[in-house]
Amino acid sequence: MMFYDYSLATERVTELHREADNARVASRLVSARRWSRLASWAQRQARRASRDLG
């Protein structure tokens, strides 16, 4: 019985680690998309400012 409990506990810990890893990856993807949109916006603003000066 003790081994079964230990096995379930280690399986659950592994599952929780996997879920945490997946959450970190998802968070990084969201952050990367946000930075990409911000960079695109800044690039458009710079082009517009350059065109207005030119």
Protein backbone atom coordinates (compact mmCIF):
# COMPACT_ATOMS: atom_id res chain seq x y z
CA MET A 1 0.00 0.00 0.00
CA MET A 2 2.82 2.39 0.86
CA PHE A 3 4.47 1.88 -2.54
CA TYR A 4 1.16 2.57 -4.31
CA ASP A 5 0.74 5.87 -2.41
CA TYR A 6 4.32 6.85 -3.20
CA SER A 7 3.81 5.98 -6.86
CA LEU A 8 0.65 8.10 -7.04
CA ALA A 9 2.40 10.99 -5.32
CA THR A 10 5.39 10.93 -7.67
CA GLU A 11 3.08 10.68 -10.67
CA ARG A 12 1.13 13.69 -9.42
CA VAL A 13 4.32 15.70 -8.84
CA THR A 14 5.47 14.90 -12.37
CA GLU A 15 2.10 15.98 -13.72
CA LEU A 16 2.22 19.25 -11.75
CA HIS A 17 5.73 19.97 -13.05
CA ARG A 18 4.54 19.37 -16.62
CA GLU A 19 1.57 21.69 -16.09
CA ALA A 20 3.85 24.37 -14.64
CA ASP A 21 6.21 24.04 -17.61
CA ASN A 22 3.29 24.36 -20.02
CA ALA A 23 2.01 27.44 -18.18
CA ARG A 24 5.47 29.04 -18.39
CA VAL A 25 5.68 28.36 -22.12
CA ALA A 26 2.20 29.79 -22.68
CA SER A 27 3.08 32.88 -20.66
CA ARG A 28 6.27 33.39 -22.68
CA LEU A 29 4.34 33.07 -25.94
CA VAL A 30 1.81 35.66 -24.82
CA SER A 31 4.62 37.98 -23.77
CA ALA A 32 6.47 37.46 -27.07
CA ARG A 33 3.33 38.27 -29.05
CA ARG A 34 2.77 41.39 -26.98
CA TRP A 35 6.36 42.59 -27.56
CA SER A 36 6.05 41.77 -31.25
CA ARG A 37 2.90 43.88 -31.56
CA LEU A 38 4.59 46.71 -29.68
CA ALA A 39 7.65 46.52 -31.96
CA SER A 40 5.41 46.56 -35.04
CA TRP A 41 3.55 49.58 -33.72
CA ALA A 42 6.84 51.41 -32.99
CA GLN A 43 8.10 50.58 -36.48
CA ARG A 44 4.92 51.99 -38.06
CA GLN A 45 5.21 55.13 -35.95
CA ALA A 46 8.85 55.58 -36.97
CA ARG A 47 7.98 55.13 -40.66
CA ARG A 48 5.15 57.62 -40.36
CA ALA A 49 7.38 60.16 -38.58
CA SER A 50 10.12 59.67 -41.18
CA ARG A 51 7.64 60.12 -44.02
CA ASP A 52 6.25 63.28 -42.40
CA LEU A 53 9.78 64.73 -42.10
CA GLY A 54 10.80 63.74 -45.60
